[in-house]
Amino acid sequence: MAETAVAASDNAAFSRLDLANAVRPVTDTEVAFFHQNGWVLLKGLVDPEVCRAMLEIGRPKLARLVEGTEEKDVKPGSAQMQIAESDQGTIVNIPQWCEWRGAVRAAQDPVYSGVVLSKAMGRNVRRLLDRDRPLRIYHDIFVCKRPDNASTPTHFHQDATNFPLDRNALTAWVALDEVTPDQGPVRFYSGSHKFGLFGSIAPGGGDIRDEYPELERFQISPAHHLQPGDCTVHHGLVVHGAGANNTLRPRWSYLASYFPADARYNGMPNHDTDGFGLKKGYPLDHPSFSLVAE
């Protein structure tokens, strides 16, 4: 296979990563499962060697937070997310996890970008969304769920209530290291995306199931055992959440959310879109929302 030269983090080991073949195509069976359930497990979607490189690039950025030697609490704001004002993204520490936000959107890291902005990933997302339109990245986040219950469970929720878009989006969640069931992999209420918006949770946080007990009619997916490169993809309307990390090993993952480039901004305040001069009712035509290759 042809190899793609990559200049990443001054590490010569990254220069021979085969990014051109880093992402496999989804199958008809996987697409049908996604449309039926609102989520799908894609085993081996991303080359494990590329995932190890992504982990090697991202892990040092969160090391002090994971080790507990730094108590950083930075809320992501529009100025931090703009390429021009924060070209390396931002580090965020919240109860559910710690994160490096913006490996692609801000830092434009070539390894991360080579995966999530690739033609192969774009074809996959278009098939899953069932829309043959150009795509943009809404946000991308390198995540660590800290060990020994240091990170709290991620309450069950819908992403769509937080996206200021008028069209459907989806999120690809990639395991960068082995993720065992007791480390809090993402779980989904299968088919819940077909019932539209359930509504946002009350101010101050909480679990959507407390307000919508009818969600129990849907079957919840298992806590999967994932290997590097395995990926779960979920629809913006599917209800999902994750448990705490009950092991002594950090849970490392990376997520990227995609939306059709013809989606229009609905004007809802959001730290991923505030401050960009976006106009309500118009597409999010801004370089911070990177276009996926076609």
C-alpha atoms as a PDB file:
ATOM      1  CA  MET A   1       0.000   0.000   0.000  1.00  0.00           C
ATOM      2  CA  ALA A   2       1.158   3.498  -0.713  1.00  0.00           C
ATOM      3  CA  GLU A   3       2.377   5.403   2.291  1.00  0.00           C
ATOM      4  CA  THR A   4       1.531   9.021   3.052  1.00  0.00           C
ATOM      5  CA  ALA A   5       4.201  11.277   4.488  1.00  0.00           C
ATOM      6  CA  VAL A   6       3.055  13.048   7.647  1.00  0.00           C
ATOM      7  CA  ALA A   7       4.854  15.782   9.576  1.00  0.00           C
ATOM      8  CA  ALA A   8       3.352  15.363  13.053  1.00  0.00           C
ATOM      9  CA  SER A   9       4.753  16.461  16.393  1.00  0.00           C
ATOM     10  CA  ASP A  10       8.347  16.196  15.122  1.00  0.00           C
ATOM     11  CA  ASN A  11       8.160  12.412  15.603  1.00  0.00           C
ATOM     12  CA  ALA A  12       9.692  10.477  12.723  1.00  0.00           C
ATOM     13  CA  ALA A  13       7.541   7.477  13.601  1.00  0.00           C
ATOM     14  CA  PHE A  14       4.492   9.370  12.323  1.00  0.00           C
ATOM     15  CA  SER A  15       6.035  10.099   8.939  1.00  0.00           C
ATOM     16  CA  ARG A  16       5.255   6.637   7.565  1.00  0.00           C
ATOM     17  CA  LEU A  17       1.674   6.264   8.700  1.00  0.00           C
ATOM     18  CA  ASP A  18      -0.581   5.104   5.888  1.00  0.00           C
ATOM     19  CA  LEU A  19      -3.266   7.736   6.309  1.00  0.00           C
ATOM     20  CA  ALA A  20      -4.564   7.155   2.787  1.00  0.00           C
ATOM     21  CA  ASN A  21      -5.825   3.754   3.940  1.00  0.00           C
ATOM     22  CA  ALA A  22      -6.466   4.536   7.606  1.00  0.00           C
ATOM     23  CA  VAL A  23     -10.274   4.265   7.410  1.00  0.00           C
ATOM     24  CA  ARG A  24     -12.188   1.297   5.978  1.00  0.00           C
ATOM     25  CA  PRO A  25     -15.548   1.619   4.203  1.00  0.00           C
ATOM     26  CA  VAL A  26     -18.722   0.789   6.092  1.00  0.00           C
ATOM     27  CA  THR A  27     -20.787  -2.164   4.883  1.00  0.00           C
ATOM     28  CA  ASP A  28     -24.403  -2.274   3.752  1.00  0.00           C
ATOM     29  CA  THR A  29     -25.226  -4.286   6.874  1.00  0.00           C
ATOM     30  CA  GLU A  30     -23.667  -1.652   9.134  1.00  0.00           C
ATOM     31  CA  VAL A  31     -25.543   1.153   7.370  1.00  0.00           C
ATOM     32  CA  ALA A  32     -28.857  -0.691   7.723  1.00  0.00           C
ATOM     33  CA  PHE A  33     -28.192  -1.318  11.430  1.00  0.00           C
ATOM     34  CA  PHE A  34     -27.473   2.365  11.977  1.00  0.00           C
ATOM     35  CA  HIS A  35     -30.659   3.488  10.249  1.00  0.00           C
ATOM     36  CA  GLN A  36     -32.694   1.051  12.329  1.00  0.00           C
ATOM     37  CA  ASN A  37     -31.079   1.692  15.715  1.00  0.00           C
ATOM     38  CA  GLY A  38     -29.535   5.170  15.547  1.00  0.00           C
ATOM     39  CA  TRP A  39     -26.102   3.818  16.417  1.00  0.00           C
ATOM     40  CA  VAL A  40     -23.694   1.190  15.124  1.00  0.00           C
ATOM     41  CA  LEU A  41     -20.482  -0.488  16.259  1.00  0.00           C
ATOM     42  CA  LEU A  42     -17.858  -0.405  13.487  1.00  0.00           C
ATOM     43  CA  LYS A  43     -15.147  -2.876  14.401  1.00  0.00           C
ATOM     44  CA  GLY A  44     -11.717  -1.932  13.074  1.00  0.00           C
ATOM     45  CA  LEU A  45     -12.927   1.237  11.353  1.00  0.00           C
ATOM     46  CA  VAL A  46      -9.580   3.020  11.867  1.00  0.00           C
ATOM     47  CA  ASP A  47      -6.120   1.467  11.511  1.00  0.00           C
ATOM     48  CA  PRO A  48      -4.896   0.586  15.058  1.00  0.00           C
ATOM     49  CA  GLU A  49      -1.424   1.949  14.281  1.00  0.00           C
ATOM     50  CA  VAL A  50      -2.924   5.312  13.398  1.00  0.00           C
ATOM     51  CA  CYS A  51      -4.970   5.226  16.615  1.00  0.00           C
ATOM     52  CA  ARG A  52      -1.807   4.590  18.621  1.00  0.00           C
ATOM     53  CA  ALA A  53      -0.237   7.641  16.965  1.00  0.00           C
ATOM     54  CA  MET A  54      -3.309   9.728  17.819  1.00  0.00           C
ATOM     55  CA  LEU A  55      -3.041   8.582  21.430  1.00  0.00           C
ATOM     56  CA  GLU A  56       0.676   9.376  21.541  1.00  0.00           C
ATOM     57  CA  ILE A  57      -0.002  12.891  20.247  1.00  0.00           C
ATOM     58  CA  GLY A  58      -2.908  13.608  22.592  1.00  0.00           C
ATOM     59  CA  ARG A  59      -1.956  11.917  25.843  1.00  0.00           C
ATOM     60  CA  PRO A  60       0.785  14.379  26.914  1.00  0.00           C
ATOM     61  CA  LYS A  61      -1.674  17.266  26.667  1.00  0.00           C
ATOM     62  CA  LEU A  62      -3.828  15.761  29.428  1.00  0.00           C
ATOM     63  CA  ALA A  63      -1.119  14.028  31.473  1.00  0.00           C
ATOM     64  CA  ARG A  64      -1.183  16.376  34.472  1.00  0.00           C
ATOM     65  CA  LEU A  65      -4.961  16.318  34.671  1.00  0.00           C
ATOM     66  CA  VAL A  66      -5.058  12.525  34.476  1.00  0.00           C
ATOM     67  CA  GLU A  67      -2.351  12.225  37.126  1.00  0.00           C
ATOM     68  CA  GLY A  68      -4.120  14.708  39.367  1.00  0.00           C
ATOM     69  CA  THR A  69      -1.151  17.073  39.562  1.00  0.00           C
ATOM     70  CA  GLU A  70      -3.096  19.936  37.992  1.00  0.00           C
ATOM     71  CA  GLU A  71      -6.614  21.164  38.716  1.00  0.00           C
ATOM     72  CA  LYS A  72      -7.424  23.023  35.546  1.00  0.00           C
ATOM     73  CA  ASP A  73     -10.983  24.086  34.869  1.00  0.00           C
ATOM     74  CA  VAL A  74     -11.177  25.870  31.539  1.00  0.00           C
ATOM     75  CA  LYS A  75     -14.588  26.335  29.990  1.00  0.00           C
ATOM     76  CA  PRO A  76     -14.486  26.221  26.179  1.00  0.00           C
ATOM     77  CA  GLY A  77     -15.421  29.593  24.753  1.00  0.00           C
ATOM     78  CA  SER A  78     -15.686  30.961  21.255  1.00  0.00           C
ATOM     79  CA  ALA A  79     -12.357  32.807  21.394  1.00  0.00           C
ATOM     80  CA  GLN A  80     -10.568  29.626  22.442  1.00  0.00           C
ATOM     81  CA  MET A  81     -12.103  27.653  19.597  1.00  0.00           C
ATOM     82  CA  GLN A  82     -11.315  30.022  16.754  1.00  0.00           C
ATOM     83  CA  ILE A  83      -8.345  28.964  14.642  1.00  0.00           C
ATOM     84  CA  ALA A  84      -6.961  32.491  14.553  1.00  0.00           C
ATOM     85  CA  GLU A  85      -6.978  32.925  18.323  1.00  0.00           C
ATOM     86  CA  SER A  86      -6.145  29.460  19.624  1.00  0.00           C
ATOM     87  CA  ASP A  87      -4.210  27.448  17.105  1.00  0.00           C
ATOM     88  CA  GLN A  88      -3.671  24.523  19.487  1.00  0.00           C
ATOM     89  CA  GLY A  89      -7.227  24.136  20.777  1.00  0.00           C
ATOM     90  CA  THR A  90      -8.021  24.137  24.473  1.00  0.00           C
ATOM     91  CA  ILE A  91      -7.753  21.842  27.487  1.00  0.00           C
ATOM     92  CA  VAL A  92     -10.976  21.361  29.423  1.00  0.00           C
ATOM     93  CA  ASN A  93     -11.531  19.627  32.758  1.00  0.00           C
ATOM     94  CA  ILE A  94     -15.131  18.734  33.563  1.00  0.00           C
ATOM     95  CA  PRO A  95     -16.512  16.181  36.041  1.00  0.00           C
ATOM     96  CA  GLN A  96     -17.285  13.586  33.335  1.00  0.00           C
ATOM     97  CA  TRP A  97     -13.822  13.656  31.720  1.00  0.00           C
ATOM     98  CA  CYS A  98     -10.876  15.824  30.743  1.00  0.00           C
ATOM     99  CA  GLU A  99     -10.366  16.722  27.104  1.00  0.00           C
ATOM    100  CA  TRP A 100      -8.219  18.324  24.434  1.00  0.00           C
ATOM    101  CA  ARG A 101     -10.719  20.093  22.209  1.00  0.00           C
ATOM    102  CA  GLY A 102      -9.783  21.054  18.675  1.00  0.00           C
ATOM    103  CA  ALA A 103      -7.053  18.700  17.382  1.00  0.00           C
ATOM    104  CA  VAL A 104      -8.515  19.217  13.913  1.00  0.00           C
ATOM    105  CA  ARG A 105     -10.672  22.303  14.232  1.00  0.00           C
ATOM    106  CA  ALA A 106      -7.986  24.431  15.894  1.00  0.00           C
ATOM    107  CA  ALA A 107      -4.584  22.678  15.844  1.00  0.00           C
ATOM    108  CA  GLN A 108      -5.123  21.121  12.405  1.00  0.00           C
ATOM    109  CA  ASP A 109      -2.968  18.186  13.476  1.00  0.00           C
ATOM    110  CA  PRO A 110      -2.107  16.226  10.306  1.00  0.00           C
ATOM    111  CA  VAL A 111      -2.646  12.771  11.823  1.00  0.00           C
ATOM    112  CA  TYR A 112      -6.057  13.562  13.280  1.00  0.00           C
ATOM    113  CA  SER A 113      -7.032  15.531  10.175  1.00  0.00           C
ATOM    114  CA  GLY A 114      -5.863  12.701   7.939  1.00  0.00           C
ATOM    115  CA  VAL A 115      -8.435  10.448   9.575  1.00  0.00           C
ATOM    116  CA  VAL A 116     -11.506  12.580  10.248  1.00  0.00           C
ATOM    117  CA  LEU A 117     -11.315  14.800   7.152  1.00  0.00           C
ATOM    118  CA  SER A 118     -10.501  11.940   4.768  1.00  0.00           C
ATOM    119  CA  LYS A 119     -12.542  10.971   1.717  1.00  0.00           C
ATOM    120  CA  ALA A 120     -13.092   7.515   3.211  1.00  0.00           C
ATOM    121  CA  MET A 121     -14.544   8.911   6.432  1.00  0.00           C
ATOM    122  CA  GLY A 122     -16.641  11.375   4.462  1.00  0.00           C
ATOM    123  CA  ARG A 123     -18.130   8.609   2.308  1.00  0.00           C
ATOM    124  CA  ASN A 124     -18.958   6.627   5.442  1.00  0.00           C
ATOM    125  CA  VAL A 125     -20.685   9.546   7.147  1.00  0.00           C
ATOM    126  CA  ARG A 126     -22.692  10.438   4.051  1.00  0.00           C
ATOM    127  CA  ARG A 127     -23.907   6.849   3.782  1.00  0.00           C
ATOM    128  CA  LEU A 128     -24.886   6.749   7.440  1.00  0.00           C
ATOM    129  CA  LEU A 129     -26.668  10.104   7.255  1.00  0.00           C
ATOM    130  CA  ASP A 130     -28.228   9.014   3.947  1.00  0.00           C
ATOM    131  CA  ARG A 131     -27.386  12.409   2.459  1.00  0.00           C
ATOM    132  CA  ASP A 132     -25.013  12.871  -0.444  1.00  0.00           C
ATOM    133  CA  ARG A 133     -23.899  16.360   0.555  1.00  0.00           C
ATOM    134  CA  PRO A 134     -20.520  17.887   1.499  1.00  0.00           C
ATOM    135  CA  LEU A 135     -19.743  17.625   5.201  1.00  0.00           C
ATOM    136  CA  ARG A 136     -18.216  19.819   7.874  1.00  0.00           C
ATOM    137  CA  ILE A 137     -16.773  19.040  11.305  1.00  0.00           C
ATOM    138  CA  TYR A 138     -18.802  20.557  14.115  1.00  0.00           C
ATOM    139  CA  HIS A 139     -16.300  19.783  16.873  1.00  0.00           C
ATOM    140  CA  ASP A 140     -13.605  17.219  17.632  1.00  0.00           C
ATOM    141  CA  ILE A 141     -12.488  16.139  21.107  1.00  0.00           C
ATOM    142  CA  PHE A 142      -9.693  13.919  22.466  1.00  0.00           C
ATOM    143  CA  VAL A 143     -11.135  12.517  25.704  1.00  0.00           C
ATOM    144  CA  CYS A 144      -9.845  10.806  28.826  1.00  0.00           C
ATOM    145  CA  LYS A 145     -12.281   9.324  31.318  1.00  0.00           C
ATOM    146  CA  ARG A 146     -10.071   9.255  34.367  1.00  0.00           C
ATOM    147  CA  PRO A 147      -9.517   6.017  36.286  1.00  0.00           C
ATOM    148  CA  ASP A 148     -10.804   4.842  39.655  1.00  0.00           C
ATOM    149  CA  ASN A 149     -14.099   6.747  39.324  1.00  0.00           C
ATOM    150  CA  ALA A 150     -12.299  10.112  39.235  1.00  0.00           C
ATOM    151  CA  SER A 151     -14.553  10.993  36.285  1.00  0.00           C
ATOM    152  CA  THR A 152     -18.270  10.825  36.908  1.00  0.00           C
ATOM    153  CA  PRO A 153     -20.755   8.955  34.681  1.00  0.00           C
ATOM    154  CA  THR A 154     -21.908  10.759  31.550  1.00  0.00           C
ATOM    155  CA  HIS A 155     -25.644  11.313  31.961  1.00  0.00           C
ATOM    156  CA  PHE A 156     -27.913  10.015  29.220  1.00  0.00           C
ATOM    157  CA  HIS A 157     -28.799  12.761  26.748  1.00  0.00           C
ATOM    158  CA  GLN A 158     -29.377  13.698  23.105  1.00  0.00           C
ATOM    159  CA  ASP A 159     -26.665  15.612  21.259  1.00  0.00           C
ATOM    160  CA  ALA A 160     -29.150  17.359  18.978  1.00  0.00           C
ATOM    161  CA  THR A 161     -30.418  19.573  21.786  1.00  0.00           C
ATOM    162  CA  ASN A 162     -26.924  21.102  21.985  1.00  0.00           C
ATOM    163  CA  PHE A 163     -26.223  21.517  18.258  1.00  0.00           C
ATOM    164  CA  PRO A 164     -27.439  24.891  16.882  1.00  0.00           C
ATOM    165  CA  LEU A 165     -28.238  23.276  13.529  1.00  0.00           C
ATOM    166  CA  ASP A 166     -31.433  22.736  11.572  1.00  0.00           C
ATOM    167  CA  ARG A 167     -30.357  19.330  10.194  1.00  0.00           C
ATOM    168  CA  ASN A 168     -29.252  15.979  11.533  1.00  0.00           C
ATOM    169  CA  ALA A 169     -25.672  15.424  12.671  1.00  0.00           C
ATOM    170  CA  LEU A 170     -23.805  12.361  13.854  1.00  0.00           C
ATOM    171  CA  THR A 171     -20.815  11.622  16.051  1.00  0.00           C
ATOM    172  CA  ALA A 172     -18.043   9.066  15.518  1.00  0.00           C
ATOM    173  CA  TRP A 173     -16.479   7.878  18.807  1.00  0.00           C
ATOM    174  CA  VAL A 174     -13.160   6.056  18.265  1.00  0.00           C
ATOM    175  CA  ALA A 175     -11.389   3.933  20.882  1.00  0.00           C
ATOM    176  CA  LEU A 176      -7.692   4.867  20.859  1.00  0.00           C
ATOM    177  CA  ASP A 177      -6.754   2.183  23.393  1.00  0.00           C
ATOM    178  CA  GLU A 178      -8.485  -0.948  24.623  1.00  0.00           C
ATOM    179  CA  VAL A 179     -11.765   0.009  26.310  1.00  0.00           C
ATOM    180  CA  THR A 180     -13.301  -2.625  28.564  1.00  0.00           C
ATOM    181  CA  PRO A 181     -16.974  -2.702  29.612  1.00  0.00           C
ATOM    182  CA  ASP A 182     -16.134  -1.462  33.120  1.00  0.00           C
ATOM    183  CA  GLN A 183     -14.342   1.617  31.746  1.00  0.00           C
ATOM    184  CA  GLY A 184     -17.555   3.353  30.716  1.00  0.00           C
ATOM    185  CA  PRO A 185     -17.964   2.842  26.958  1.00  0.00           C
ATOM    186  CA  VAL A 186     -20.863   4.719  25.376  1.00  0.00           C
ATOM    187  CA  ARG A 187     -24.264   2.981  25.443  1.00  0.00           C
ATOM    188  CA  PHE A 188     -27.357   3.770  23.394  1.00  0.00           C
ATOM    189  CA  TYR A 189     -31.132   3.420  23.570  1.00  0.00           C
ATOM    190  CA  SER A 190     -31.688   1.646  20.262  1.00  0.00           C
ATOM    191  CA  GLY A 191     -34.299   3.275  18.048  1.00  0.00           C
ATOM    192  CA  SER A 192     -34.770   6.331  20.257  1.00  0.00           C
ATOM    193  CA  HIS A 193     -33.701   8.590  17.377  1.00  0.00           C
ATOM    194  CA  LYS A 194     -36.980   7.862  15.579  1.00  0.00           C
ATOM    195  CA  PHE A 195     -38.992   9.729  18.206  1.00  0.00           C
ATOM    196  CA  GLY A 196     -37.428  13.136  17.572  1.00  0.00           C
ATOM    197  CA  LEU A 197     -36.418  15.556  20.294  1.00  0.00           C
ATOM    198  CA  PHE A 198     -37.248  14.517  23.833  1.00  0.00           C
ATOM    199  CA  GLY A 199     -36.155  17.924  25.079  1.00  0.00           C
ATOM    200  CA  SER A 200     -33.166  19.145  27.022  1.00  0.00           C
ATOM    201  CA  ILE A 201     -32.528  18.292  30.657  1.00  0.00           C
ATOM    202  CA  ALA A 202     -33.200  20.757  33.446  1.00  0.00           C
ATOM    203  CA  PRO A 203     -30.690  23.563  34.186  1.00  0.00           C
ATOM    204  CA  GLY A 204     -27.757  22.311  36.210  1.00  0.00           C
ATOM    205  CA  GLY A 205     -27.534  18.936  34.509  1.00  0.00           C
ATOM    206  CA  GLY A 206     -29.176  15.621  35.055  1.00  0.00           C
ATOM    207  CA  ASP A 207     -30.199  12.449  33.282  1.00  0.00           C
ATOM    208  CA  ILE A 208     -32.808  12.660  30.526  1.00  0.00           C
ATOM    209  CA  ARG A 209     -34.322   9.378  31.726  1.00  0.00           C
ATOM    210  CA  ASP A 210     -35.513  11.102  34.892  1.00  0.00           C
ATOM    211  CA  GLU A 211     -37.786  13.347  32.807  1.00  0.00           C
ATOM    212  CA  TYR A 212     -38.694  10.794  30.149  1.00  0.00           C
ATOM    213  CA  PRO A 213     -39.266   7.400  31.794  1.00  0.00           C
ATOM    214  CA  GLU A 214     -40.837   6.212  28.530  1.00  0.00           C
ATOM    215  CA  LEU A 215     -37.282   5.777  27.254  1.00  0.00           C
ATOM    216  CA  GLU A 216     -37.269   2.472  29.086  1.00  0.00           C
ATOM    217  CA  ARG A 217     -39.378   1.038  26.251  1.00  0.00           C
ATOM    218  CA  PHE A 218     -36.212   1.078  24.119  1.00  0.00           C
ATOM    219  CA  GLN A 219     -33.550  -1.593  24.470  1.00  0.00           C
ATOM    220  CA  ILE A 220     -30.212  -0.327  25.730  1.00  0.00           C
ATOM    221  CA  SER A 221     -27.073  -1.464  23.944  1.00  0.00           C
ATOM    222  CA  PRO A 222     -24.434  -3.516  25.767  1.00  0.00           C
ATOM    223  CA  ALA A 223     -21.262  -2.025  27.219  1.00  0.00           C
ATOM    224  CA  HIS A 224     -18.908  -3.014  24.418  1.00  0.00           C
ATOM    225  CA  HIS A 225     -15.349  -4.274  24.738  1.00  0.00           C
ATOM    226  CA  LEU A 226     -13.432  -2.203  22.209  1.00  0.00           C
ATOM    227  CA  GLN A 227      -9.971  -2.427  20.682  1.00  0.00           C
ATOM    228  CA  PRO A 228      -7.978   0.494  19.216  1.00  0.00           C
ATOM    229  CA  GLY A 229      -9.686   1.527  15.989  1.00  0.00           C
ATOM    230  CA  ASP A 230     -13.142   0.250  16.925  1.00  0.00           C
ATOM    231  CA  CYS A 231     -15.720   2.994  16.582  1.00  0.00           C
ATOM    232  CA  THR A 232     -19.287   3.613  17.622  1.00  0.00           C
ATOM    233  CA  VAL A 233     -21.262   6.090  15.535  1.00  0.00           C
ATOM    234  CA  HIS A 234     -24.469   7.631  16.819  1.00  0.00           C
ATOM    235  CA  HIS A 235     -27.197   9.839  15.425  1.00  0.00           C
ATOM    236  CA  GLY A 236     -27.710  13.257  17.009  1.00  0.00           C
ATOM    237  CA  LEU A 237     -31.162  12.235  18.225  1.00  0.00           C
ATOM    238  CA  VAL A 238     -30.301   8.873  19.779  1.00  0.00           C
ATOM    239  CA  VAL A 239     -30.255   8.884  23.589  1.00  0.00           C
ATOM    240  CA  HIS A 240     -26.872   7.796  24.922  1.00  0.00           C
ATOM    241  CA  GLY A 241     -24.605   7.971  27.963  1.00  0.00           C
ATOM    242  CA  ALA A 242     -21.702   6.242  29.676  1.00  0.00           C
ATOM    243  CA  GLY A 243     -20.782   4.933  33.098  1.00  0.00           C
ATOM    244  CA  ALA A 244     -17.798   5.854  35.224  1.00  0.00           C
ATOM    245  CA  ASN A 245     -14.376   4.304  34.677  1.00  0.00           C
ATOM    246  CA  ASN A 246     -14.222   1.667  37.398  1.00  0.00           C
ATOM    247  CA  THR A 247     -10.701   0.514  36.542  1.00  0.00           C
ATOM    248  CA  LEU A 248      -7.236   1.832  37.390  1.00  0.00           C
ATOM    249  CA  ARG A 249      -6.505   2.521  33.709  1.00  0.00           C
ATOM    250  CA  PRO A 250      -7.525   5.714  31.847  1.00  0.00           C
ATOM    251  CA  ARG A 251     -10.115   5.361  29.092  1.00  0.00           C
ATOM    252  CA  TRP A 252      -8.819   7.087  25.943  1.00  0.00           C
ATOM    253  CA  SER A 253     -11.055   7.997  23.017  1.00  0.00           C
ATOM    254  CA  TYR A 254     -11.570  10.600  20.329  1.00  0.00           C
ATOM    255  CA  LEU A 255     -14.801  11.886  18.873  1.00  0.00           C
ATOM    256  CA  ALA A 256     -15.706  13.988  15.864  1.00  0.00           C
ATOM    257  CA  SER A 257     -19.173  15.297  15.063  1.00  0.00           C
ATOM    258  CA  TYR A 258     -20.212  15.828  11.453  1.00  0.00           C
ATOM    259  CA  PHE A 259     -23.009  17.832   9.863  1.00  0.00           C
ATOM    260  CA  PRO A 260     -24.082  18.421   6.235  1.00  0.00           C
ATOM    261  CA  ALA A 261     -22.565  21.600   4.863  1.00  0.00           C
ATOM    262  CA  ASP A 262     -26.011  22.813   3.791  1.00  0.00           C
ATOM    263  CA  ALA A 263     -27.183  22.838   7.423  1.00  0.00           C
ATOM    264  CA  ARG A 264     -28.217  26.272   8.655  1.00  0.00           C
ATOM    265  CA  TYR A 265     -27.397  27.981  11.925  1.00  0.00           C
ATOM    266  CA  ASN A 266     -30.519  28.253  14.096  1.00  0.00           C
ATOM    267  CA  GLY A 267     -29.165  31.062  16.279  1.00  0.00           C
ATOM    268  CA  MET A 268     -29.062  29.112  19.542  1.00  0.00           C
ATOM    269  CA  PRO A 269     -26.174  30.272  21.797  1.00  0.00           C
ATOM    270  CA  ASN A 270     -23.378  27.707  21.961  1.00  0.00           C
ATOM    271  CA  HIS A 271     -19.668  27.878  22.801  1.00  0.00           C
ATOM    272  CA  ASP A 272     -18.820  26.065  19.549  1.00  0.00           C
ATOM    273  CA  THR A 273     -20.516  28.731  17.420  1.00  0.00           C
ATOM    274  CA  ASP A 274     -20.651  31.980  19.419  1.00  0.00           C
ATOM    275  CA  GLY A 275     -18.420  34.801  18.243  1.00  0.00           C
ATOM    276  CA  PHE A 276     -18.040  33.718  14.619  1.00  0.00           C
ATOM    277  CA  GLY A 277     -20.452  36.211  13.108  1.00  0.00           C
ATOM    278  CA  LEU A 278     -22.769  33.431  11.965  1.00  0.00           C
ATOM    279  CA  LYS A 279     -26.178  34.545  10.714  1.00  0.00           C
ATOM    280  CA  LYS A 280     -29.343  32.790  11.768  1.00  0.00           C
ATOM    281  CA  GLY A 281     -30.849  30.944   8.827  1.00  0.00           C
ATOM    282  CA  TYR A 282     -27.576  30.719   6.879  1.00  0.00           C
ATOM    283  CA  PRO A 283     -24.985  27.912   6.534  1.00  0.00           C
ATOM    284  CA  LEU A 284     -22.013  27.735   8.923  1.00  0.00           C
ATOM    285  CA  ASP A 285     -19.551  28.881   6.290  1.00  0.00           C
ATOM    286  CA  HIS A 286     -16.497  29.476   8.479  1.00  0.00           C
ATOM    287  CA  PRO A 287     -12.974  27.929   8.434  1.00  0.00           C
ATOM    288  CA  SER A 288     -13.357  26.694  12.010  1.00  0.00           C
ATOM    289  CA  PHE A 289     -15.905  24.174  10.685  1.00  0.00           C
ATOM    290  CA  SER A 290     -13.525  22.229   8.472  1.00  0.00           C
ATOM    291  CA  LEU A 291     -14.782  20.721   5.227  1.00  0.00           C
ATOM    292  CA  VAL A 292     -14.345  16.983   4.779  1.00  0.00           C
ATOM    293  CA  ALA A 293     -12.586  15.842   1.625  1.00  0.00           C
ATOM    294  CA  GLU A 294     -14.795  14.679  -1.263  1.00  0.00           C
END
